[in-house]
């Protein structure tokens, strides 16, 4: 049963919020008929989708647990991760960039944010808005999350080294960029995203289901990237945190290099990580 709908601007796509029939007090946001986000109003600290849980585990590793952070979310969805940051790290400063001008108002009108959430909304194309944010937010963000999709693909201009350079300009020296990569068999999108990220943020972890990272099957992986090698110390904790079965590949131990080599050579999966 649909809770409510609206037509998004500028795309003209239909956005729908519906109750989750399986999870009490939870809701789904769909855009253009495709489910985009899951929100638990009763417990925003509970994350539902695999890739979102893996990003949440990374957020938990930033600085001291529970300490406020500065976070920039490129792509709003139903604001699942801003909710998570607020309830796990109250008083955090958060920014969201969203192309659909009326999406955030639609979501928050029907799925209110946790009390005390400090969220600034910046409508527009992410490539333009990260440049606009730099004068007052440059070098201050602990976390930038890129979850940028139009339909089922990321627009080409939002997966280039030039774009990642502008996004990285927002980060503190040991800040982390988290990129959600939805992919097909053979992981062509992940291959391209890694090639664009490595010249900008050379210390990389890739986390995801074992079926994706070991067998190169369709699914979502999350790339974590930083200027700081301290990110690489997160590999074992993220491996333990799950969800399971999963894999964590690192630019430090050869596992990520083996994946990239195998994808480049064969287009099919390889082993590496646990």
Protein backbone atom coordinates (compact mmCIF):
# COMPACT_ATOMS: atom_id res chain seq x y z
CA UNK A 1 0.00 0.00 0.00
CA UNK A 2 1.40 3.38 -1.01
CA UNK A 3 1.74 5.90 1.80
CA UNK A 4 2.24 8.88 -0.50
CA UNK A 5 3.68 9.89 -3.86
CA UNK A 6 5.11 12.93 -5.58
CA UNK A 7 6.58 13.83 -8.95
CA UNK A 8 10.24 14.79 -8.62
CA UNK A 9 11.82 17.82 -10.19
CA UNK A 10 13.69 18.11 -12.49
CA UNK A 11 13.54 14.45 -13.59
CA UNK A 12 9.76 13.99 -13.59
CA UNK A 13 10.16 10.57 -11.96
CA UNK A 14 7.49 9.32 -9.56
CA UNK A 15 8.64 8.92 -5.95
CA UNK A 16 6.67 6.66 -3.62
CA UNK A 17 6.92 5.97 0.10
CA UNK A 18 5.36 2.68 1.18
CA UNK A 19 5.33 0.73 4.45
CA UNK A 20 7.66 -2.26 4.56
CA UNK A 21 5.26 -5.22 4.87
CA UNK A 22 7.88 -7.33 6.66
CA UNK A 23 9.55 -4.89 9.07
CA UNK A 24 7.36 -2.99 11.56
CA UNK A 25 7.62 0.81 11.58
CA UNK A 26 9.82 0.74 8.49
CA UNK A 27 9.32 2.28 5.06
CA UNK A 28 10.59 2.01 1.50
CA UNK A 29 11.35 4.85 -0.89
CA UNK A 30 10.95 3.98 -4.58
CA UNK A 31 11.82 6.25 -7.48
CA UNK A 32 10.63 5.42 -10.96
CA UNK A 33 9.42 2.04 -9.71
CA UNK A 34 12.83 1.04 -8.32
CA UNK A 35 13.32 0.72 -4.57
CA UNK A 36 16.04 3.15 -3.47
CA UNK A 37 16.07 3.27 0.34
CA UNK A 38 14.85 1.58 3.50
CA UNK A 39 14.18 3.57 6.68
CA UNK A 40 13.39 2.27 10.16
CA UNK A 41 11.61 5.14 11.91
CA UNK A 42 11.48 3.19 15.16
CA UNK A 43 15.21 2.47 15.16
CA UNK A 44 17.25 4.58 12.70
CA UNK A 45 20.39 2.88 14.03
CA UNK A 46 19.26 -0.35 12.33
CA UNK A 47 20.38 -0.54 8.71
CA UNK A 48 18.66 -2.95 6.34
CA UNK A 49 20.49 -3.23 3.01
CA UNK A 50 23.86 -4.96 2.82
CA UNK A 51 25.82 -2.07 1.33
CA UNK A 52 24.29 0.46 3.72
CA UNK A 53 25.26 -1.72 6.68
CA UNK A 54 28.81 -1.87 5.40
CA UNK A 55 28.95 1.92 5.12
CA UNK A 56 27.52 2.13 8.63
CA UNK A 57 30.33 -0.10 9.88
CA UNK A 58 32.84 2.27 8.30
CA UNK A 59 31.15 5.27 9.92
CA UNK A 60 31.56 3.52 13.26
CA UNK A 61 35.36 3.44 12.72
CA UNK A 62 35.75 7.21 12.29
CA UNK A 63 37.57 8.75 15.24
CA UNK A 64 36.07 8.01 18.67
CA UNK A 65 32.76 6.08 18.61
CA UNK A 66 29.88 8.39 19.41
CA UNK A 67 31.88 11.54 18.72
CA UNK A 68 30.23 14.08 16.36
CA UNK A 69 31.60 14.17 12.83
CA UNK A 70 31.15 16.31 9.75
CA UNK A 71 29.56 14.30 6.95
CA UNK A 72 28.62 15.12 3.36
CA UNK A 73 26.11 12.85 1.62
CA UNK A 74 26.09 13.05 -2.17
CA UNK A 75 22.67 11.65 -3.02
CA UNK A 76 19.84 11.83 -0.52
CA UNK A 77 17.59 8.81 -0.97
CA UNK A 78 15.42 8.57 2.14
CA UNK A 79 18.27 10.01 4.26
CA UNK A 80 19.00 6.61 5.82
CA UNK A 81 22.66 7.36 6.56
CA UNK A 82 22.11 10.90 7.86
CA UNK A 83 19.64 9.35 10.31
CA UNK A 84 22.23 6.75 11.29
CA UNK A 85 24.92 9.38 11.85
CA UNK A 86 22.56 11.43 14.03
CA UNK A 87 21.55 8.59 16.34
CA UNK A 88 25.05 7.11 16.63
CA UNK A 89 26.92 10.45 16.70
CA UNK A 90 24.58 13.16 17.99
CA UNK A 91 25.39 16.79 17.18
CA UNK A 92 27.16 15.88 13.95
CA UNK A 93 27.20 18.48 11.19
CA UNK A 94 25.71 16.99 8.05
CA UNK A 95 25.19 18.16 4.48
CA UNK A 96 23.25 16.49 1.68
CA UNK A 97 23.49 17.19 -2.05
CA UNK A 98 20.52 16.05 -4.14
CA UNK A 99 19.67 16.65 -7.79
CA UNK A 100 15.91 16.23 -7.26
CA UNK A 101 14.94 19.59 -5.80
CA UNK A 102 11.85 18.40 -3.88
CA UNK A 103 13.00 14.94 -2.75
CA UNK A 104 14.35 15.88 0.68
CA UNK A 105 11.23 17.88 1.60
CA UNK A 106 9.03 15.00 0.41
CA UNK A 107 10.96 12.48 2.48
CA UNK A 108 11.19 14.53 5.67
CA UNK A 109 7.49 15.50 5.52
CA UNK A 110 6.49 11.84 5.71
CA UNK A 111 9.53 10.26 7.38
CA UNK A 112 10.74 12.85 9.93
CA UNK A 113 14.41 13.01 10.84
CA UNK A 114 15.53 12.12 14.38
CA UNK A 115 15.26 14.98 16.83
CA UNK A 116 18.27 17.28 16.80
CA UNK A 117 19.46 16.41 13.28
CA UNK A 118 21.59 19.21 11.83
CA UNK A 119 21.27 18.74 8.07
CA UNK A 120 21.91 21.37 5.42
CA UNK A 121 20.40 20.61 2.00
CA UNK A 122 22.16 21.68 -1.22
CA UNK A 123 19.99 21.05 -4.31
CA UNK A 124 21.70 20.47 -7.63
CA UNK A 125 24.16 18.32 -9.52
CA UNK A 126 26.81 16.80 -7.25
CA UNK A 127 29.68 17.80 -9.55
CA UNK A 128 28.68 21.46 -9.26
CA UNK A 129 27.73 21.44 -5.60
CA UNK A 130 31.01 19.93 -4.35
CA UNK A 131 32.77 22.90 -5.95
CA UNK A 132 30.33 25.28 -4.27
CA UNK A 133 30.88 23.61 -0.88
CA UNK A 134 34.66 23.86 -1.01
CA UNK A 135 35.03 27.51 0.13
CA UNK A 136 33.35 26.91 3.48
CA UNK A 137 33.61 23.13 3.95
CA UNK A 138 36.89 22.30 2.21
CA UNK A 139 39.24 20.24 4.38
CA UNK A 140 36.62 19.80 7.10
CA UNK A 141 34.57 16.68 6.28
CA UNK A 142 35.42 13.46 8.08
CA UNK A 143 33.21 11.53 5.68
CA UNK A 144 31.87 11.96 2.16
CA UNK A 145 29.38 9.36 0.92
CA UNK A 146 28.77 9.12 -2.83
CA UNK A 147 25.58 7.21 -3.65
CA UNK A 148 24.75 8.81 -6.96
CA UNK A 149 22.31 7.10 -9.27
CA UNK A 150 19.92 8.14 -11.98
CA UNK A 151 17.82 5.05 -12.44
CA UNK A 152 20.24 2.16 -12.04
CA UNK A 153 23.44 3.84 -13.22
CA UNK A 154 25.81 6.55 -12.02
CA UNK A 155 26.09 9.36 -14.59
CA UNK A 156 29.51 9.29 -16.29
CA UNK A 157 30.58 12.72 -15.03
CA UNK A 158 30.14 11.52 -11.42
CA UNK A 159 32.63 8.67 -11.74
CA UNK A 160 35.72 10.45 -13.02
CA UNK A 161 39.00 11.35 -11.33
CA UNK A 162 38.12 15.02 -11.73
CA UNK A 163 34.89 14.56 -9.79
CA UNK A 164 36.60 12.55 -7.06
CA UNK A 165 39.27 15.23 -6.75
CA UNK A 166 36.60 17.83 -6.00
CA UNK A 167 34.89 15.51 -3.52
CA UNK A 168 38.24 14.74 -1.86
CA UNK A 169 38.87 18.48 -1.43
CA UNK A 170 36.14 18.45 1.22
CA UNK A 171 37.92 15.85 3.38
CA UNK A 172 40.17 16.32 6.40
CA UNK A 173 43.61 14.75 5.80
CA UNK A 174 42.52 11.36 7.15
CA UNK A 175 38.91 11.66 5.97
CA UNK A 176 37.17 8.87 4.08
CA UNK A 177 35.21 8.83 0.84
CA UNK A 178 32.70 5.97 0.64
CA UNK A 179 31.36 5.13 -2.81
CA UNK A 180 28.45 2.76 -3.40
CA UNK A 181 28.98 0.80 -6.62
CA UNK A 182 26.03 -1.21 -7.96
CA UNK A 183 27.37 -3.62 -10.56
CA UNK A 184 26.77 -6.34 -13.09
CA UNK A 185 28.53 -9.68 -13.54
CA UNK A 186 32.22 -9.06 -14.20
CA UNK A 187 32.13 -5.82 -12.15
CA UNK A 188 32.71 -3.30 -14.96
CA UNK A 189 31.51 -0.39 -12.82
CA UNK A 190 33.83 -1.26 -9.93
CA UNK A 191 36.74 -1.59 -12.34
CA UNK A 192 36.09 1.90 -13.67
CA UNK A 193 35.49 3.49 -10.28
CA UNK A 194 38.75 2.10 -8.88
CA UNK A 195 40.71 3.38 -11.86
CA UNK A 196 39.25 6.87 -11.32
CA UNK A 197 39.74 6.86 -7.53
CA UNK A 198 43.28 5.52 -7.21
CA UNK A 199 45.10 8.61 -8.57
CA UNK A 200 43.16 10.80 -6.12
CA UNK A 201 42.89 8.74 -2.92
CA UNK A 202 45.46 5.94 -3.16
CA UNK A 203 44.61 4.02 0.02
CA UNK A 204 41.64 1.81 -0.78
CA UNK A 205 39.44 -0.83 0.81
CA UNK A 206 36.61 -2.54 -1.02
CA UNK A 207 33.94 -4.24 1.08
CA UNK A 208 30.99 -6.28 -0.09
CA UNK A 209 29.36 -9.70 -0.28
CA UNK A 210 31.66 -12.59 -1.08
CA UNK A 211 29.55 -13.38 -4.15
CA UNK A 212 30.41 -9.94 -5.55
CA UNK A 213 34.09 -9.63 -4.63
CA UNK A 214 35.15 -13.27 -4.95
CA UNK A 215 32.93 -14.41 -7.78
CA UNK A 216 32.39 -11.08 -9.61
CA UNK A 217 28.62 -11.48 -9.53
CA UNK A 218 25.94 -8.81 -9.75
CA UNK A 219 25.55 -6.79 -6.56
CA UNK A 220 26.80 -3.83 -4.57
CA UNK A 221 30.32 -3.16 -3.35
CA UNK A 222 31.48 -0.19 -1.30
CA UNK A 223 34.81 1.48 -2.02
CA UNK A 224 36.43 3.27 0.93
CA UNK A 225 39.18 5.67 -0.11
CA UNK A 226 41.49 8.01 1.78
CA UNK A 227 44.72 9.96 1.54
CA UNK A 228 45.71 8.38 4.85
CA UNK A 229 47.08 4.84 5.15
CA UNK A 230 45.29 4.66 8.50
CA UNK A 231 42.21 3.56 6.56
CA UNK A 232 43.93 0.26 5.83
CA UNK A 233 43.87 -0.60 9.54
CA UNK A 234 40.11 -0.90 9.25
CA UNK A 235 40.31 -4.05 7.11
CA UNK A 236 40.14 -6.62 9.91
CA UNK A 237 37.46 -4.82 11.98
CA UNK A 238 35.30 -4.38 8.89
CA UNK A 239 35.81 -8.02 8.00
CA UNK A 240 34.59 -9.05 11.45
CA UNK A 241 31.67 -6.59 11.42
CA UNK A 242 30.06 -8.23 8.38
CA UNK A 243 27.47 -8.73 7.05
CA UNK A 244 28.54 -12.32 6.38
CA UNK A 245 29.54 -13.93 4.10
CA UNK A 246 31.59 -10.96 2.99
CA UNK A 247 34.99 -9.90 1.75
CA UNK A 248 37.34 -7.00 2.39
CA UNK A 249 39.99 -6.25 -0.22
CA UNK A 250 42.88 -3.89 0.49
CA UNK A 251 45.34 -1.91 -1.61
CA UNK A 252 47.97 -2.82 1.01
CA UNK A 253 48.01 -6.63 0.94
CA UNK A 254 47.68 -7.40 -2.77
CA UNK A 255 44.08 -8.64 -2.54
CA UNK A 256 42.64 -5.62 -4.34
CA UNK A 257 45.40 -5.74 -6.94
CA UNK A 258 44.62 -9.39 -7.65
CA UNK A 259 40.95 -8.56 -8.13
CA UNK A 260 41.75 -5.75 -10.55
CA UNK A 261 44.19 -7.90 -12.48
CA UNK A 262 41.67 -10.72 -12.82
CA UNK A 263 38.89 -8.40 -13.89
CA UNK A 264 41.14 -6.79 -16.44
CA UNK A 265 42.34 -10.14 -17.77
CA UNK A 266 39.17 -12.23 -17.68
CA UNK A 267 36.19 -10.13 -16.60
CA UNK A 268 35.33 -12.82 -14.03
CA UNK A 269 35.82 -13.29 -10.34
CA UNK A 270 38.87 -13.94 -8.21
CA UNK A 271 39.53 -14.79 -4.63
CA UNK A 272 40.87 -12.57 -1.89
CA UNK A 273 39.71 -11.25 1.46
CA UNK A 274 37.47 -12.88 4.04
